[in-house]
């Protein structure tokens, strides 16, 4: 028996959109009294992972600053003026940080 089936998330039922919660519509954590007990733990883990990654790398724009424009919609997103059909993008150069990890 196969437990992990990612294809089951391709077509989510319409009734799911009325489920409360931050990511309730994805059926991962749900909301209300039967919400996933690991929800808050997973948020802490993701924050710790993000902190570790941001601290381990130095980030620098790979394009001139003037080439980055804001694409406005429901949410503002970065895009390149030189590649308007490229969609949302923000090219970065990543280098290992010189900060000594303790």
N, C-alpha and C. Protein backbone atom coordinates (compact mmCIF):
# COMPACT_ATOMS: atom_id res chain seq x y z
N UNK A 1 0.84 -1.17 0.00
CA UNK A 1 0.00 0.00 0.00
C UNK A 1 0.89 1.25 0.00
N UNK A 2 0.59 2.18 -0.86
CA UNK A 2 1.38 3.40 -0.98
C UNK A 2 0.67 4.53 -0.23
N UNK A 3 1.34 5.12 0.76
CA UNK A 3 0.72 6.15 1.58
C UNK A 3 0.89 7.54 0.99
N UNK A 4 2.05 7.81 0.41
CA UNK A 4 2.30 9.14 -0.15
C UNK A 4 1.89 9.16 -1.61
N UNK A 5 0.81 9.88 -1.89
CA UNK A 5 0.30 9.99 -3.26
C UNK A 5 0.13 11.47 -3.59
N UNK A 6 1.15 12.13 -4.14
CA UNK A 6 1.03 13.56 -4.42
C UNK A 6 -0.05 13.88 -5.45
N UNK A 7 -0.43 12.93 -6.29
CA UNK A 7 -1.44 13.20 -7.31
C UNK A 7 -2.82 13.50 -6.70
N UNK A 8 -3.04 13.14 -5.44
CA UNK A 8 -4.34 13.40 -4.82
C UNK A 8 -4.56 14.89 -4.59
N UNK A 9 -3.50 15.72 -4.66
CA UNK A 9 -3.64 17.15 -4.45
C UNK A 9 -3.84 17.90 -5.77
N UNK A 10 -3.86 17.21 -6.89
CA UNK A 10 -4.03 17.88 -8.18
C UNK A 10 -5.43 18.47 -8.32
N UNK A 11 -6.44 17.75 -7.88
CA UNK A 11 -7.82 18.22 -7.98
C UNK A 11 -8.44 18.20 -6.59
N UNK A 12 -8.36 19.35 -5.92
CA UNK A 12 -8.91 19.45 -4.57
C UNK A 12 -10.40 19.76 -4.67
N UNK A 13 -11.25 19.10 -3.87
CA UNK A 13 -12.70 19.34 -3.93
C UNK A 13 -13.07 20.79 -3.62
N UNK A 14 -14.16 21.28 -4.19
CA UNK A 14 -14.61 22.66 -4.00
C UNK A 14 -14.97 22.94 -2.54
N UNK A 15 -15.46 21.96 -1.82
CA UNK A 15 -15.86 22.15 -0.43
C UNK A 15 -14.68 22.55 0.45
N UNK A 16 -13.49 22.27 0.01
CA UNK A 16 -12.30 22.56 0.79
C UNK A 16 -12.09 24.06 0.96
N UNK A 17 -12.53 24.86 0.01
CA UNK A 17 -12.29 26.31 0.07
C UNK A 17 -12.98 26.97 1.27
N UNK A 18 -13.97 26.33 1.86
CA UNK A 18 -14.66 26.91 3.01
C UNK A 18 -14.04 26.50 4.34
N UNK A 19 -13.02 25.67 4.33
CA UNK A 19 -12.38 25.23 5.58
C UNK A 19 -11.53 26.37 6.12
N UNK A 20 -11.71 26.74 7.41
CA UNK A 20 -10.93 27.84 7.97
C UNK A 20 -9.48 27.44 8.20
N UNK A 21 -8.64 28.42 8.30
CA UNK A 21 -7.24 28.18 8.58
C UNK A 21 -6.36 28.88 7.57
N UNK A 22 -5.12 29.08 7.94
CA UNK A 22 -4.19 29.77 7.06
C UNK A 22 -4.00 29.00 5.76
N UNK A 23 -3.76 27.71 5.88
CA UNK A 23 -3.61 26.87 4.70
C UNK A 23 -4.69 25.79 4.69
N UNK A 24 -5.86 26.12 5.17
CA UNK A 24 -6.95 25.17 5.26
C UNK A 24 -7.37 24.61 3.91
N UNK A 25 -7.26 25.42 2.87
CA UNK A 25 -7.68 24.99 1.55
C UNK A 25 -6.78 23.90 0.97
N UNK A 26 -5.61 23.68 1.56
CA UNK A 26 -4.69 22.67 1.03
C UNK A 26 -4.84 21.32 1.72
N UNK A 27 -5.70 21.25 2.71
CA UNK A 27 -5.93 20.01 3.47
C UNK A 27 -4.68 19.46 4.14
N UNK A 28 -3.71 20.32 4.44
CA UNK A 28 -2.52 19.84 5.12
C UNK A 28 -2.65 20.00 6.62
N UNK A 29 -3.04 21.20 7.08
CA UNK A 29 -3.15 21.46 8.51
C UNK A 29 -4.59 21.62 8.96
N UNK A 30 -5.48 21.96 8.04
CA UNK A 30 -6.89 22.24 8.34
C UNK A 30 -7.01 23.36 9.36
N UNK A 31 -8.10 23.43 10.05
CA UNK A 31 -8.32 24.48 11.03
C UNK A 31 -9.40 24.04 12.00
N UNK A 32 -9.60 24.84 13.02
CA UNK A 32 -10.63 24.53 14.00
C UNK A 32 -10.20 23.50 15.02
N UNK A 33 -11.17 22.84 15.66
CA UNK A 33 -10.84 21.91 16.75
C UNK A 33 -10.10 20.65 16.30
N UNK A 34 -10.16 20.33 15.02
CA UNK A 34 -9.47 19.13 14.53
C UNK A 34 -8.23 19.47 13.71
N UNK A 35 -7.66 20.62 13.97
CA UNK A 35 -6.47 21.04 13.26
C UNK A 35 -5.28 20.15 13.61
N UNK A 36 -4.33 20.12 12.75
CA UNK A 36 -3.13 19.31 12.95
C UNK A 36 -2.37 19.79 14.19
N UNK A 37 -2.00 18.86 15.06
CA UNK A 37 -1.27 19.26 16.27
C UNK A 37 0.18 19.63 15.94
N UNK A 38 0.66 19.26 14.78
CA UNK A 38 2.02 19.58 14.39
C UNK A 38 2.16 20.90 13.65
N UNK A 39 1.05 21.64 13.51
CA UNK A 39 1.06 22.89 12.74
C UNK A 39 2.09 23.89 13.30
N UNK A 40 2.00 24.19 14.57
CA UNK A 40 2.91 25.17 15.16
C UNK A 40 4.35 24.66 15.16
N UNK A 41 4.55 23.39 15.41
CA UNK A 41 5.90 22.82 15.37
C UNK A 41 6.50 22.96 13.98
N UNK A 42 5.69 22.71 12.95
CA UNK A 42 6.21 22.82 11.58
C UNK A 42 6.59 24.26 11.26
N UNK A 43 5.84 25.23 11.78
CA UNK A 43 6.20 26.64 11.57
C UNK A 43 7.54 26.97 12.24
N UNK A 44 7.76 26.47 13.44
CA UNK A 44 9.02 26.71 14.15
C UNK A 44 10.17 26.07 13.37
N UNK A 45 9.97 24.87 12.87
CA UNK A 45 11.02 24.19 12.10
C UNK A 45 11.35 24.97 10.83
N UNK A 46 10.33 25.46 10.13
CA UNK A 46 10.57 26.23 8.91
C UNK A 46 11.29 27.54 9.21
N UNK A 47 10.94 28.20 10.31
CA UNK A 47 11.63 29.44 10.69
C UNK A 47 13.09 29.17 11.01
N UNK A 48 13.35 28.07 11.73
CA UNK A 48 14.73 27.71 12.06
C UNK A 48 15.54 27.39 10.80
N UNK A 49 14.93 26.68 9.86
CA UNK A 49 15.59 26.36 8.60
C UNK A 49 15.89 27.62 7.80
N UNK A 50 14.92 28.51 7.71
CA UNK A 50 15.11 29.77 7.00
C UNK A 50 16.21 30.60 7.65
N UNK A 51 16.21 30.69 8.97
CA UNK A 51 17.24 31.43 9.69
C UNK A 51 18.63 30.85 9.40
N UNK A 52 18.72 29.53 9.42
CA UNK A 52 20.00 28.87 9.16
C UNK A 52 20.49 29.14 7.74
N UNK A 53 19.60 29.06 6.77
CA UNK A 53 19.99 29.32 5.38
C UNK A 53 20.39 30.77 5.15
N UNK A 54 19.61 31.70 5.69
CA UNK A 54 19.92 33.12 5.51
C UNK A 54 21.25 33.45 6.16
N UNK A 55 21.53 32.86 7.30
CA UNK A 55 22.78 33.13 8.01
C UNK A 55 23.98 32.48 7.32
N UNK A 56 23.77 31.37 6.62
CA UNK A 56 24.87 30.63 6.02
C UNK A 56 25.31 31.19 4.67
N UNK A 57 24.50 32.05 4.07
CA UNK A 57 24.82 32.55 2.73
C UNK A 57 24.77 34.07 2.69
N UNK A 58 25.59 34.63 1.80
CA UNK A 58 25.52 36.05 1.47
C UNK A 58 24.80 36.14 0.15
N UNK A 59 23.84 37.03 0.07
CA UNK A 59 23.05 37.18 -1.16
C UNK A 59 23.33 38.54 -1.79
N UNK A 60 23.45 38.52 -3.10
CA UNK A 60 23.71 39.75 -3.85
C UNK A 60 22.92 39.69 -5.15
N UNK A 61 22.41 40.82 -5.58
CA UNK A 61 21.68 40.85 -6.84
C UNK A 61 22.59 40.47 -8.00
N UNK A 62 22.08 39.66 -8.91
CA UNK A 62 22.84 39.24 -10.08
C UNK A 62 22.62 40.17 -11.26
N UNK A 63 21.76 41.16 -11.09
CA UNK A 63 21.46 42.14 -12.14
C UNK A 63 21.57 43.53 -11.53
N UNK A 64 21.70 44.57 -12.36
CA UNK A 64 21.72 45.93 -11.80
C UNK A 64 20.41 46.24 -11.06
N UNK A 65 20.50 47.04 -10.02
CA UNK A 65 19.33 47.38 -9.20
C UNK A 65 18.24 48.05 -10.05
N UNK A 66 18.63 48.85 -11.01
CA UNK A 66 17.65 49.55 -11.84
C UNK A 66 16.86 48.62 -12.75
N UNK A 67 17.35 47.40 -12.94
CA UNK A 67 16.65 46.43 -13.78
C UNK A 67 15.51 45.72 -13.03
N UNK A 68 15.51 45.82 -11.71
CA UNK A 68 14.47 45.18 -10.89
C UNK A 68 13.31 46.16 -10.72
N UNK A 69 12.12 45.74 -11.13
CA UNK A 69 10.92 46.56 -10.99
C UNK A 69 9.88 45.77 -10.19
N UNK A 70 8.91 46.49 -9.66
CA UNK A 70 7.83 45.83 -8.90
C UNK A 70 6.66 45.55 -9.83
N UNK A 71 6.23 44.32 -9.86
CA UNK A 71 5.06 43.91 -10.63
C UNK A 71 3.88 43.99 -9.67
N UNK A 72 2.92 44.82 -9.97
CA UNK A 72 1.80 45.04 -9.06
C UNK A 72 0.61 44.16 -9.42
N UNK A 73 0.00 43.63 -8.42
CA UNK A 73 -1.19 42.81 -8.55
C UNK A 73 -1.84 42.78 -7.18
N UNK A 74 -2.36 41.64 -6.79
CA UNK A 74 -2.86 41.49 -5.43
C UNK A 74 -1.69 41.60 -4.46
N UNK A 75 -0.55 41.03 -4.87
CA UNK A 75 0.68 41.09 -4.11
C UNK A 75 1.76 41.65 -5.01
N UNK A 76 2.59 42.56 -4.50
CA UNK A 76 3.70 43.10 -5.29
C UNK A 76 4.80 42.05 -5.36
N UNK A 77 5.36 41.87 -6.57
CA UNK A 77 6.42 40.89 -6.76
C UNK A 77 7.51 41.47 -7.63
N UNK A 78 8.75 41.03 -7.42
CA UNK A 78 9.84 41.56 -8.24
C UNK A 78 9.85 40.93 -9.63
N UNK A 79 10.26 41.72 -10.60
CA UNK A 79 10.40 41.25 -11.98
C UNK A 79 11.54 42.03 -12.61
N UNK A 80 11.99 41.58 -13.76
CA UNK A 80 13.07 42.27 -14.45
C UNK A 80 12.50 43.13 -15.57
N UNK A 81 12.94 44.37 -15.62
CA UNK A 81 12.49 45.28 -16.69
C UNK A 81 13.00 44.79 -18.04
N UNK A 82 14.19 44.17 -18.06
CA UNK A 82 14.78 43.70 -19.32
C UNK A 82 14.12 42.43 -19.84
N UNK A 83 13.36 41.74 -19.00
CA UNK A 83 12.70 40.50 -19.40
C UNK A 83 11.26 40.53 -18.91
N UNK A 84 10.44 41.38 -19.51
CA UNK A 84 9.07 41.58 -19.02
C UNK A 84 8.19 40.35 -19.18
N UNK A 85 8.49 39.47 -20.11
CA UNK A 85 7.67 38.26 -20.31
C UNK A 85 8.16 37.09 -19.46
N UNK A 86 9.21 37.30 -18.69
CA UNK A 86 9.79 36.23 -17.88
C UNK A 86 9.04 35.92 -16.61
N UNK A 87 8.06 36.73 -16.26
CA UNK A 87 7.31 36.47 -15.03
C UNK A 87 8.01 37.03 -13.81
N UNK A 88 7.65 36.52 -12.64
CA UNK A 88 8.25 36.96 -11.38
C UNK A 88 9.66 36.40 -11.28
N UNK A 89 10.61 37.29 -11.02
CA UNK A 89 11.99 36.82 -10.87
C UNK A 89 12.83 37.83 -10.12
N UNK A 90 13.81 37.33 -9.41
CA UNK A 90 14.77 38.15 -8.69
C UNK A 90 16.08 37.35 -8.64
N UNK A 91 16.90 37.46 -9.69
CA UNK A 91 18.14 36.67 -9.74
C UNK A 91 19.12 37.09 -8.64
N UNK A 92 19.57 36.13 -7.88
CA UNK A 92 20.52 36.37 -6.80
C UNK A 92 21.77 35.53 -6.98
N UNK A 93 22.88 36.07 -6.51
CA UNK A 93 24.12 35.30 -6.41
C UNK A 93 24.25 34.88 -4.95
N UNK A 94 24.49 33.60 -4.73
CA UNK A 94 24.66 33.09 -3.36
C UNK A 94 26.10 32.68 -3.15
N UNK A 95 26.64 33.12 -2.05
CA UNK A 95 28.00 32.74 -1.65
C UNK A 95 27.97 32.28 -0.20
N UNK A 96 28.80 31.30 0.15
CA UNK A 96 28.86 30.91 1.57
C UNK A 96 29.29 32.10 2.40
N UNK A 97 28.69 32.28 3.55
CA UNK A 97 28.99 33.40 4.43
C UNK A 97 30.33 33.21 5.11
N UNK A 98 30.99 34.32 5.40
CA UNK A 98 32.27 34.28 6.11
C UNK A 98 32.08 34.24 7.62
N UNK A 99 30.85 34.36 8.07
CA UNK A 99 30.56 34.36 9.50
C UNK A 99 30.88 32.97 10.05
N UNK A 100 31.65 32.96 11.12
CA UNK A 100 32.02 31.68 11.75
C UNK A 100 30.82 31.15 12.51
N UNK A 101 30.41 29.92 12.20
CA UNK A 101 29.27 29.30 12.89
C UNK A 101 29.74 28.77 14.23
N UNK A 102 28.98 29.08 15.28
CA UNK A 102 29.38 28.59 16.60
C UNK A 102 28.43 27.54 17.08
